[in-house]
Amino acid sequence: MTTDVTIIGAGLGGLTLARVLHVNGIPATVYEAEPSPTARAQGGMLDIHDYNGQLAVQAAGLMDEFRGIVLEGRQATRVLDRDGNVLFDEPDDGTGGRPEVQRGDLRQILLDSLPDGTVRWGHKVSGVRRLGEGRHEVTFGDGGTVVTTLLVGADGAWSRVRPSVSDDVPEYTGTAFVETYLFDADTRHPAVAKAVGAGSTFALEPGKRQIAAHREKGGTLHAYVMLTKPQDWFADMDFTDSSAALARVAKEFDGWAPELTALITDSDTAPVLRPLYTLPVGHRWDPVPGVTLVGDAAHLMPPNGEGANLAMLDGAELAQALAAHPDDSSAALAEYERAMFPRSTAVGEAEAEVPDNPALEEVINFFSRAQETS
């Protein structure tokens, strides 16, 4: 089977691309490794910015649906020290430009906006082969194949499409998140809920350890415990033994306020380890006919509040470029990559410039952006 636009990955970037293509009358097929849209939880809160992510939502024609999933009050930001003292507290006055939504809700409105059959679930890519004249053959785990005249890798950090354009692979940053949840926190964990407040809270020792927590729907607190450790340190932990793993992580925060360490010790779910990987800042490639990348596949970087926004804008701009050059995909890819490369490089360079021991204002700015995981 030969298709026109083939998108690998049904994350936010791939789905935005498919939706904006659909708006412009261009059919596409999305292949996703997961067996169904509900196969796993879709992560936590995302702040969708008015200067990138919301531009993609507008291009997709989904602003009304987007406004319907915004969680009011969640733009509030608080910074605490290890003793629970409030260093910075900015309430949500409703005028901010980064409304918060649940990743799963945002993904769902994109899925709902696509024609039936656009997404093919349970198609895990095992390889990509260049055929010439811009065509590529994609092979799936079940042995099936598809030949496409335009291939887009929207398949994240460990993209199977990336090797078609680049030899670079993600490298461990030296830091990992341990993810936990507290449910019905206002009733069951009132001291923790009070410390976290209405939106996002960051408890930190600059350059050392941090705990970030977001207030999600239904009184859920979603925490990310950041530790700078070698991978061997985490490999020695048995994450199937939740109690032991949580106890070892909590030991790194001995002496911290109990309302903060409870985000670790009182988790209502098994802890999830999320090592952070990155591609080189300024990652780019020479033009390759018939293939390109969006989102983390193109410019993986540590969580900084921009990843989902950049992925969605990538998808929207690539679709618009293809619509503007319906008979010249090479021109469309060149136009898209010409804008995408410097945009992602600028974000990566801004993150790299954050010092190891920043002043309080810089800490606040940094951690106010760090509200998203891969």
Foldseek 3Di string as FASTA:
>chain_A
DEDAEEEEALALLRLLLQLLLVVLVHHYAYEYQAQDLVSDADFFKAFAFPVFQVVSCVSSVNPVLVVVFFDPFQLWEWEAELALHTPDTDTCPPPDGTTMGTSSSSSVVSVVSHPPRRYDYNWAWDAKADDDPQKIWTATPVGDIYIYSAYEYAPAQQTRQLVVFDPWHWDFPQKKWKKFKDAPCVPPPVLLDVSCDRHKYWYDDFLAWIKIWGQGPRRMIMIITMGRHDPVVVVPDDLVPQQRNLVVSLVSSPPGHPSRSCRRNVGPDRIDMGTAIWTDQLQDGDDDRRYDYAFNSGGGDFQFSCRSRRSSNLSSQLSVLCSVCVPDNSRSVVVSRVVSRVVSNVVRVVVVPQDRRDDPVSVSNRVSRRPDHD
